[in-house]
Amino acid sequence: MKGGWIVLTTTIDLYETIFEEYPEMLTVEEMCEILNIAKETGYRMIRRGEFEVLKLGRVIRIPKNQVLKYIIDNLEKSKKM
């Protein structure tokens, strides 16, 4: 930290800072909130295998790092277009 400012070294550091209030294992609702998508879209993305998920019976949890990776990968793809 320099002069009261946090120095972020990577894009992932930036996103981890932005989403630090979220738990490491997200609910589908939390994932959808982060991505600003409808719940149905979130479930569709999970069914297509766009995220590695943990299923405990009917409970689904998504590692936050999977969501951050998805955001970064898609930002990089959009920069190439």
PDB file of N, CA and C in Angstrom:
ATOM      1  N   MET A   1       0.853  -1.178   0.000  1.00  0.00           N
ATOM      2  CA  MET A   1       0.000   0.000   0.000  1.00  0.00           C
ATOM      3  C   MET A   1       0.894   1.234   0.000  1.00  0.00           C
ATOM      4  N   LYS A   2       0.711   2.110  -0.958  1.00  0.00           N
ATOM      5  CA  LYS A   2       1.511   3.328  -1.069  1.00  0.00           C
ATOM      6  C   LYS A   2       0.630   4.539  -0.825  1.00  0.00           C
ATOM      7  N   GLY A   3       1.015   5.385   0.128  1.00  0.00           N
ATOM      8  CA  GLY A   3       0.292   6.626   0.366  1.00  0.00           C
ATOM      9  C   GLY A   3      -1.203   6.442   0.578  1.00  0.00           C
ATOM     10  N   GLY A   4      -1.609   5.343   1.218  1.00  0.00           N
ATOM     11  CA  GLY A   4      -3.018   5.109   1.467  1.00  0.00           C
ATOM     12  C   GLY A   4      -3.756   4.466   0.309  1.00  0.00           C
ATOM     13  N   TRP A   5      -3.067   4.216  -0.791  1.00  0.00           N
ATOM     14  CA  TRP A   5      -3.690   3.594  -1.965  1.00  0.00           C
ATOM     15  C   TRP A   5      -3.255   2.144  -2.056  1.00  0.00           C
ATOM     16  N   ILE A   6      -4.163   1.297  -2.467  1.00  0.00           N
ATOM     17  CA  ILE A   6      -3.833  -0.104  -2.684  1.00  0.00           C
ATOM     18  C   ILE A   6      -3.291  -0.230  -4.098  1.00  0.00           C
ATOM     19  N   VAL A   7      -2.140  -0.832  -4.242  1.00  0.00           N
ATOM     20  CA  VAL A   7      -1.545  -1.032  -5.554  1.00  0.00           C
ATOM     21  C   VAL A   7      -1.943  -2.426  -6.036  1.00  0.00           C
ATOM     22  N   LEU A   8      -2.665  -2.478  -7.140  1.00  0.00           N
ATOM     23  CA  LEU A   8      -3.098  -3.749  -7.711  1.00  0.00           C
ATOM     24  C   LEU A   8      -2.154  -4.108  -8.846  1.00  0.00           C
ATOM     25  N   THR A   9      -1.633  -5.327  -8.797  1.00  0.00           N
ATOM     26  CA  THR A   9      -0.629  -5.706  -9.786  1.00  0.00           C
ATOM     27  C   THR A   9      -1.214  -6.435 -10.984  1.00  0.00           C
ATOM     28  N   THR A  10      -2.375  -7.027 -10.846  1.00  0.00           N
ATOM     29  CA  THR A  10      -2.946  -7.782 -11.957  1.00  0.00           C
ATOM     30  C   THR A  10      -4.439  -7.523 -12.048  1.00  0.00           C
ATOM     31  N   THR A  11      -4.999  -7.922 -13.168  1.00  0.00           N
ATOM     32  CA  THR A  11      -6.443  -7.807 -13.357  1.00  0.00           C
ATOM     33  C   THR A  11      -7.177  -8.645 -12.327  1.00  0.00           C
ATOM     34  N   ILE A  12      -6.652  -9.836 -12.026  1.00  0.00           N
ATOM     35  CA  ILE A  12      -7.307 -10.706 -11.050  1.00  0.00           C
ATOM     36  C   ILE A  12      -7.310 -10.039  -9.672  1.00  0.00           C
ATOM     37  N   ASP A  13      -6.237  -9.320  -9.323  1.00  0.00           N
ATOM     38  CA  ASP A  13      -6.209  -8.589  -8.053  1.00  0.00           C
ATOM     39  C   ASP A  13      -7.343  -7.572  -8.013  1.00  0.00           C
ATOM     40  N   LEU A  14      -7.572  -6.899  -9.127  1.00  0.00           N
ATOM     41  CA  LEU A  14      -8.637  -5.909  -9.211  1.00  0.00           C
ATOM     42  C   LEU A  14      -9.991  -6.557  -8.943  1.00  0.00           C
ATOM     43  N   TYR A  15     -10.270  -7.654  -9.637  1.00  0.00           N
ATOM     44  CA  TYR A  15     -11.565  -8.308  -9.478  1.00  0.00           C
ATOM     45  C   TYR A  15     -11.723  -8.936  -8.099  1.00  0.00           C
ATOM     46  N   GLU A  16     -10.634  -9.470  -7.535  1.00  0.00           N
ATOM     47  CA  GLU A  16     -10.723 -10.025  -6.184  1.00  0.00           C
ATOM     48  C   GLU A  16     -11.051  -8.923  -5.185  1.00  0.00           C
ATOM     49  N   THR A  17     -10.513  -7.727  -5.407  1.00  0.00           N
ATOM     50  CA  THR A  17     -10.804  -6.601  -4.523  1.00  0.00           C
ATOM     51  C   THR A  17     -12.251  -6.154  -4.673  1.00  0.00           C
ATOM     52  N   ILE A  18     -12.731  -6.069  -5.904  1.00  0.00           N
ATOM     53  CA  ILE A  18     -14.109  -5.642  -6.155  1.00  0.00           C
ATOM     54  C   ILE A  18     -15.109  -6.604  -5.530  1.00  0.00           C
ATOM     55  N   PHE A  19     -14.825  -7.901  -5.632  1.00  0.00           N
ATOM     56  CA  PHE A  19     -15.775  -8.912  -5.173  1.00  0.00           C
ATOM     57  C   PHE A  19     -15.381  -9.547  -3.843  1.00  0.00           C
ATOM     58  N   GLU A  20     -14.564  -8.860  -3.045  1.00  0.00           N
ATOM     59  CA  GLU A  20     -14.089  -9.454  -1.801  1.00  0.00           C
ATOM     60  C   GLU A  20     -15.197  -9.692  -0.779  1.00  0.00           C
ATOM     61  N   GLU A  21     -16.324  -8.999  -0.877  1.00  0.00           N
ATOM     62  CA  GLU A  21     -17.406  -9.194   0.098  1.00  0.00           C
ATOM     63  C   GLU A  21     -18.170 -10.491  -0.151  1.00  0.00           C
ATOM     64  N   TYR A  22     -17.957 -11.109  -1.302  1.00  0.00           N
ATOM     65  CA  TYR A  22     -18.626 -12.378  -1.605  1.00  0.00           C
ATOM     66  C   TYR A  22     -17.819 -13.538  -1.020  1.00  0.00           C
ATOM     67  N   PRO A  23     -18.508 -14.608  -0.611  1.00  0.00           N
ATOM     68  CA  PRO A  23     -17.791 -15.783  -0.082  1.00  0.00           C
ATOM     69  C   PRO A  23     -17.020 -16.492  -1.194  1.00  0.00           C
ATOM     70  N   GLU A  24     -16.100 -17.366  -0.810  1.00  0.00           N
ATOM     71  CA  GLU A  24     -15.306 -18.112  -1.789  1.00  0.00           C
ATOM     72  C   GLU A  24     -16.158 -19.088  -2.591  1.00  0.00           C
ATOM     73  N   MET A  25     -17.216 -19.608  -2.000  1.00  0.00           N
ATOM     74  CA  MET A  25     -18.142 -20.507  -2.690  1.00  0.00           C
ATOM     75  C   MET A  25     -19.461 -19.758  -2.842  1.00  0.00           C
ATOM     76  N   LEU A  26     -19.843 -19.489  -4.082  1.00  0.00           N
ATOM     77  CA  LEU A  26     -21.021 -18.669  -4.366  1.00  0.00           C
ATOM     78  C   LEU A  26     -22.258 -19.524  -4.601  1.00  0.00           C
ATOM     79  N   THR A  27     -23.400 -18.960  -4.262  1.00  0.00           N
ATOM     80  CA  THR A  27     -24.664 -19.558  -4.671  1.00  0.00           C
ATOM     81  C   THR A  27     -24.905 -19.148  -6.128  1.00  0.00           C
ATOM     82  N   VAL A  28     -25.852 -19.785  -6.768  1.00  0.00           N
ATOM     83  CA  VAL A  28     -26.193 -19.407  -8.142  1.00  0.00           C
ATOM     84  C   VAL A  28     -26.670 -17.956  -8.163  1.00  0.00           C
ATOM     85  N   GLU A  29     -27.434 -17.571  -7.152  1.00  0.00           N
ATOM     86  CA  GLU A  29     -27.942 -16.197  -7.076  1.00  0.00           C
ATOM     87  C   GLU A  29     -26.796 -15.192  -6.986  1.00  0.00           C
ATOM     88  N   GLU A  30     -25.775 -15.492  -6.156  1.00  0.00           N
ATOM     89  CA  GLU A  30     -24.632 -14.586  -6.021  1.00  0.00           C
ATOM     90  C   GLU A  30     -23.844 -14.500  -7.325  1.00  0.00           C
ATOM     91  N   MET A  31     -23.657 -15.647  -7.990  1.00  0.00           N
ATOM     92  CA  MET A  31     -22.967 -15.650  -9.275  1.00  0.00           C
ATOM     93  C   MET A  31     -23.707 -14.763 -10.279  1.00  0.00           C
ATOM     94  N   CYS A  32     -25.029 -14.906 -10.305  1.00  0.00           N
ATOM     95  CA  CYS A  32     -25.845 -14.118 -11.239  1.00  0.00           C
ATOM     96  C   CYS A  32     -25.776 -12.627 -10.907  1.00  0.00           C
ATOM     97  N   GLU A  33     -25.715 -12.317  -9.633  1.00  0.00           N
ATOM     98  CA  GLU A  33     -25.594 -10.916  -9.211  1.00  0.00           C
ATOM     99  C   GLU A  33     -24.270 -10.330  -9.704  1.00  0.00           C
ATOM    100  N   ILE A  34     -23.191 -11.078  -9.541  1.00  0.00           N
ATOM    101  CA  ILE A  34     -21.873 -10.618  -9.989  1.00  0.00           C
ATOM    102  C   ILE A  34     -21.862 -10.401 -11.494  1.00  0.00           C
ATOM    103  N   LEU A  35     -22.446 -11.348 -12.243  1.00  0.00           N
ATOM    104  CA  LEU A  35     -22.431 -11.274 -13.700  1.00  0.00           C
ATOM    105  C   LEU A  35     -23.561 -10.417 -14.268  1.00  0.00           C
ATOM    106  N   ASN A  36     -24.462  -9.994 -13.389  1.00  0.00           N
ATOM    107  CA  ASN A  36     -25.612  -9.182 -13.796  1.00  0.00           C
ATOM    108  C   ASN A  36     -26.443  -9.903 -14.868  1.00  0.00           C
ATOM    109  N   ILE A  37     -26.774 -11.157 -14.543  1.00  0.00           N
ATOM    110  CA  ILE A  37     -27.578 -11.975 -15.457  1.00  0.00           C
ATOM    111  C   ILE A  37     -28.774 -12.540 -14.693  1.00  0.00           C
ATOM    112  N   ALA A  38     -29.763 -13.025 -15.441  1.00  0.00           N
ATOM    113  CA  ALA A  38     -30.940 -13.653 -14.844  1.00  0.00           C
ATOM    114  C   ALA A  38     -30.553 -15.018 -14.273  1.00  0.00           C
ATOM    115  N   LYS A  39     -31.299 -15.449 -13.268  1.00  0.00           N
ATOM    116  CA  LYS A  39     -31.050 -16.736 -12.627  1.00  0.00           C
ATOM    117  C   LYS A  39     -31.149 -17.882 -13.637  1.00  0.00           C
ATOM    118  N   GLU A  40     -32.111 -17.811 -14.538  1.00  0.00           N
ATOM    119  CA  GLU A  40     -32.276 -18.849 -15.557  1.00  0.00           C
ATOM    120  C   GLU A  40     -31.038 -18.942 -16.446  1.00  0.00           C
ATOM    121  N   THR A  41     -30.466 -17.801 -16.777  1.00  0.00           N
ATOM    122  CA  THR A  41     -29.244 -17.776 -17.584  1.00  0.00           C
ATOM    123  C   THR A  41     -28.094 -18.416 -16.820  1.00  0.00           C
ATOM    124  N   GLY A  42     -28.007 -18.143 -15.534  1.00  0.00           N
ATOM    125  CA  GLY A  42     -26.970 -18.743 -14.694  1.00  0.00           C
ATOM    126  C   GLY A  42     -27.064 -20.258 -14.674  1.00  0.00           C
ATOM    127  N   TYR A  43     -28.273 -20.775 -14.490  1.00  0.00           N
ATOM    128  CA  TYR A  43     -28.456 -22.227 -14.508  1.00  0.00           C
ATOM    129  C   TYR A  43     -28.122 -22.817 -15.885  1.00  0.00           C
ATOM    130  N   ARG A  44     -28.466 -22.109 -16.941  1.00  0.00           N
ATOM    131  CA  ARG A  44     -28.155 -22.563 -18.291  1.00  0.00           C
ATOM    132  C   ARG A  44     -26.636 -22.645 -18.481  1.00  0.00           C
ATOM    133  N   MET A  45     -25.911 -21.647 -18.006  1.00  0.00           N
ATOM    134  CA  MET A  45     -24.450 -21.640 -18.117  1.00  0.00           C
ATOM    135  C   MET A  45     -23.850 -22.817 -17.344  1.00  0.00           C
ATOM    136  N   ILE A  46     -24.415 -23.126 -16.189  1.00  0.00           N
ATOM    137  CA  ILE A  46     -23.940 -24.252 -15.394  1.00  0.00           C
ATOM    138  C   ILE A  46     -24.194 -25.562 -16.138  1.00  0.00           C
ATOM    139  N   ARG A  47     -25.385 -25.717 -16.707  1.00  0.00           N
ATOM    140  CA  ARG A  47     -25.707 -26.938 -17.462  1.00  0.00           C
ATOM    141  C   ARG A  47     -24.782 -27.112 -18.665  1.00  0.00           C
ATOM    142  N   ARG A  48     -24.376 -26.015 -19.290  1.00  0.00           N
ATOM    143  CA  ARG A  48     -23.469 -26.081 -20.445  1.00  0.00           C
ATOM    144  C   ARG A  48     -22.028 -26.349 -20.026  1.00  0.00           C
ATOM    145  N   GLY A  49     -21.755 -26.330 -18.723  1.00  0.00           N
ATOM    146  CA  GLY A  49     -20.403 -26.611 -18.237  1.00  0.00           C
ATOM    147  C   GLY A  49     -19.460 -25.430 -18.286  1.00  0.00           C
ATOM    148  N   GLU A  50     -20.004 -24.217 -18.272  1.00  0.00           N
ATOM    149  CA  GLU A  50     -19.150 -23.027 -18.326  1.00  0.00           C
ATOM    150  C   GLU A  50     -18.443 -22.755 -17.004  1.00  0.00           C
ATOM    151  N   PHE A  51     -18.888 -23.408 -15.937  1.00  0.00           N
ATOM    152  CA  PHE A  51     -18.270 -23.277 -14.617  1.00  0.00           C
ATOM    153  C   PHE A  51     -18.116 -24.653 -13.997  1.00  0.00           C
ATOM    154  N   GLU A  52     -17.025 -24.846 -13.273  1.00  0.00           N
ATOM    155  CA  GLU A  52     -16.901 -26.037 -12.447  1.00  0.00           C
ATOM    156  C   GLU A  52     -17.710 -25.751 -11.191  1.00  0.00           C
ATOM    157  N   VAL A  53     -18.601 -26.672 -10.842  1.00  0.00           N
ATOM    158  CA  VAL A  53     -19.465 -26.445  -9.691  1.00  0.00           C
ATOM    159  C   VAL A  53     -19.348 -27.600  -8.700  1.00  0.00           C
ATOM    160  N   LEU A  54     -19.770 -27.343  -7.495  1.00  0.00           N
ATOM    161  CA  LEU A  54     -19.862 -28.351  -6.449  1.00  0.00           C
ATOM    162  C   LEU A  54     -21.340 -28.589  -6.200  1.00  0.00           C
ATOM    163  N   LYS A  55     -21.776 -29.829  -6.368  1.00  0.00           N
ATOM    164  CA  LYS A  55     -23.175 -30.170  -6.119  1.00  0.00           C
ATOM    165  C   LYS A  55     -23.251 -31.036  -4.875  1.00  0.00           C
ATOM    166  N   LEU A  56     -24.062 -30.602  -3.942  1.00  0.00           N
ATOM    167  CA  LEU A  56     -24.324 -31.345  -2.714  1.00  0.00           C
ATOM    168  C   LEU A  56     -25.827 -31.585  -2.672  1.00  0.00           C
ATOM    169  N   GLY A  57     -26.246 -32.714  -3.212  1.00  0.00           N
ATOM    170  CA  GLY A  57     -27.678 -32.947  -3.352  1.00  0.00           C
ATOM    171  C   GLY A  57     -28.226 -31.965  -4.365  1.00  0.00           C
ATOM    172  N   ARG A  58     -29.167 -31.153  -3.935  1.00  0.00           N
ATOM    173  CA  ARG A  58     -29.751 -30.144  -4.835  1.00  0.00           C
ATOM    174  C   ARG A  58     -29.064 -28.790  -4.716  1.00  0.00           C
ATOM    175  N   VAL A  59     -28.095 -28.696  -3.812  1.00  0.00           N
ATOM    176  CA  VAL A  59     -27.392 -27.429  -3.573  1.00  0.00           C
ATOM    177  C   VAL A  59     -26.216 -27.312  -4.542  1.00  0.00           C
ATOM    178  N   ILE A  60     -26.122 -26.172  -5.204  1.00  0.00           N
ATOM    179  CA  ILE A  60     -25.033 -25.906  -6.145  1.00  0.00           C
ATOM    180  C   ILE A  60     -24.211 -24.743  -5.611  1.00  0.00           C
ATOM    181  N   ARG A  61     -22.888 -24.924  -5.612  1.00  0.00           N
ATOM    182  CA  ARG A  61     -21.977 -23.846  -5.243  1.00  0.00           C
ATOM    183  C   ARG A  61     -20.937 -23.699  -6.344  1.00  0.00           C
ATOM    184  N   ILE A  62     -20.589 -22.453  -6.625  1.00  0.00           N
ATOM    185  CA  ILE A  62     -19.624 -22.132  -7.668  1.00  0.00           C
ATOM    186  C   ILE A  62     -18.436 -21.429  -7.014  1.00  0.00           C
ATOM    187  N   PRO A  63     -17.215 -21.946  -7.206  1.00  0.00           N
ATOM    188  CA  PRO A  63     -16.052 -21.245  -6.655  1.00  0.00           C
ATOM    189  C   PRO A  63     -15.942 -19.834  -7.250  1.00  0.00           C
ATOM    190  N   LYS A  64     -15.718 -18.865  -6.391  1.00  0.00           N
ATOM    191  CA  LYS A  64     -15.627 -17.476  -6.861  1.00  0.00           C
ATOM    192  C   LYS A  64     -14.531 -17.316  -7.911  1.00  0.00           C
ATOM    193  N   ASN A  65     -13.432 -18.051  -7.767  1.00  0.00           N
ATOM    194  CA  ASN A  65     -12.354 -17.907  -8.747  1.00  0.00           C
ATOM    195  C   ASN A  65     -12.782 -18.358 -10.141  1.00  0.00           C
ATOM    196  N   GLN A  66     -13.764 -19.265 -10.237  1.00  0.00           N
ATOM    197  CA  GLN A  66     -14.298 -19.676 -11.540  1.00  0.00           C
ATOM    198  C   GLN A  66     -15.038 -18.508 -12.214  1.00  0.00           C
ATOM    199  N   VAL A  67     -15.772 -17.764 -11.421  1.00  0.00           N
ATOM    200  CA  VAL A  67     -16.518 -16.616 -11.951  1.00  0.00           C
ATOM    201  C   VAL A  67     -15.540 -15.514 -12.375  1.00  0.00           C
ATOM    202  N   LEU A  68     -14.524 -15.260 -11.542  1.00  0.00           N
ATOM    203  CA  LEU A  68     -13.522 -14.248 -11.889  1.00  0.00           C
ATOM    204  C   LEU A  68     -12.783 -14.637 -13.167  1.00  0.00           C
ATOM    205  N   LYS A  69     -12.427 -15.906 -13.299  1.00  0.00           N
ATOM    206  CA  LYS A  69     -11.755 -16.395 -14.504  1.00  0.00           C
ATOM    207  C   LYS A  69     -12.655 -16.216 -15.725  1.00  0.00           C
ATOM    208  N   TYR A  70     -13.938 -16.503 -15.580  1.00  0.00           N
ATOM    209  CA  TYR A  70     -14.894 -16.336 -16.676  1.00  0.00           C
ATOM    210  C   TYR A  70     -14.933 -14.870 -17.136  1.00  0.00           C
ATOM    211  N   ILE A  71     -14.985 -13.953 -16.181  1.00  0.00           N
ATOM    212  CA  ILE A  71     -15.016 -12.521 -16.504  1.00  0.00           C
ATOM    213  C   ILE A  71     -13.754 -12.122 -17.260  1.00  0.00           C
ATOM    214  N   ILE A  72     -12.602 -12.500 -16.740  1.00  0.00           N
ATOM    215  CA  ILE A  72     -11.329 -12.117 -17.345  1.00  0.00           C
ATOM    216  C   ILE A  72     -11.180 -12.730 -18.731  1.00  0.00           C
ATOM    217  N   ASP A  73     -11.512 -14.029 -18.867  1.00  0.00           N
ATOM    218  CA  ASP A  73     -11.415 -14.688 -20.175  1.00  0.00           C
ATOM    219  C   ASP A  73     -12.297 -14.005 -21.209  1.00  0.00           C
ATOM    220  N   ASN A  74     -13.500 -13.620 -20.803  1.00  0.00           N
ATOM    221  CA  ASN A  74     -14.411 -12.987 -21.750  1.00  0.00           C
ATOM    222  C   ASN A  74     -14.003 -11.555 -22.072  1.00  0.00           C
ATOM    223  N   LEU A  75     -13.364 -10.878 -21.133  1.00  0.00           N
ATOM    224  CA  LEU A  75     -12.831  -9.551 -21.428  1.00  0.00           C
ATOM    225  C   LEU A  75     -11.723  -9.644 -22.460  1.00  0.00           C
ATOM    226  N   GLU A  76     -10.852 -10.655 -22.299  1.00  0.00           N
ATOM    227  CA  GLU A  76      -9.753 -10.841 -23.244  1.00  0.00           C
ATOM    228  C   GLU A  76     -10.289 -11.193 -24.631  1.00  0.00           C
ATOM    229  N   LYS A  77     -11.339 -12.032 -24.702  1.00  0.00           N
ATOM    230  CA  LYS A  77     -11.938 -12.386 -25.992  1.00  0.00           C
ATOM    231  C   LYS A  77     -12.539 -11.149 -26.663  1.00  0.00           C
ATOM    232  N   SER A  78     -13.172 -10.296 -25.878  1.00  0.00           N
ATOM    233  CA  SER A  78     -13.803  -9.117 -26.479  1.00  0.00           C
ATOM    234  C   SER A  78     -12.760  -8.100 -26.947  1.00  0.00           C
ATOM    235  N   LYS A  79     -11.592  -8.085 -26.330  1.00  0.00           N
ATOM    236  CA  LYS A  79     -10.527  -7.185 -26.771  1.00  0.00           C
ATOM    237  C   LYS A  79      -9.971  -7.604 -28.126  1.00  0.00           C
ATOM    238  N   LYS A  80     -10.014  -8.908 -28.415  1.00  0.00           N
ATOM    239  CA  LYS A  80      -9.477  -9.431 -29.669  1.00  0.00           C
ATOM    240  C   LYS A  80     -10.417  -9.188 -30.837  1.00  0.00           C
ATOM    241  N   MET A  81     -11.666  -8.883 -30.565  1.00  0.00           N
ATOM    242  CA  MET A  81     -12.649  -8.691 -31.639  1.00  0.00           C
ATOM    243  C   MET A  81     -12.507  -7.346 -32.298  1.00  0.00           C
TER     244      MET A  81
END
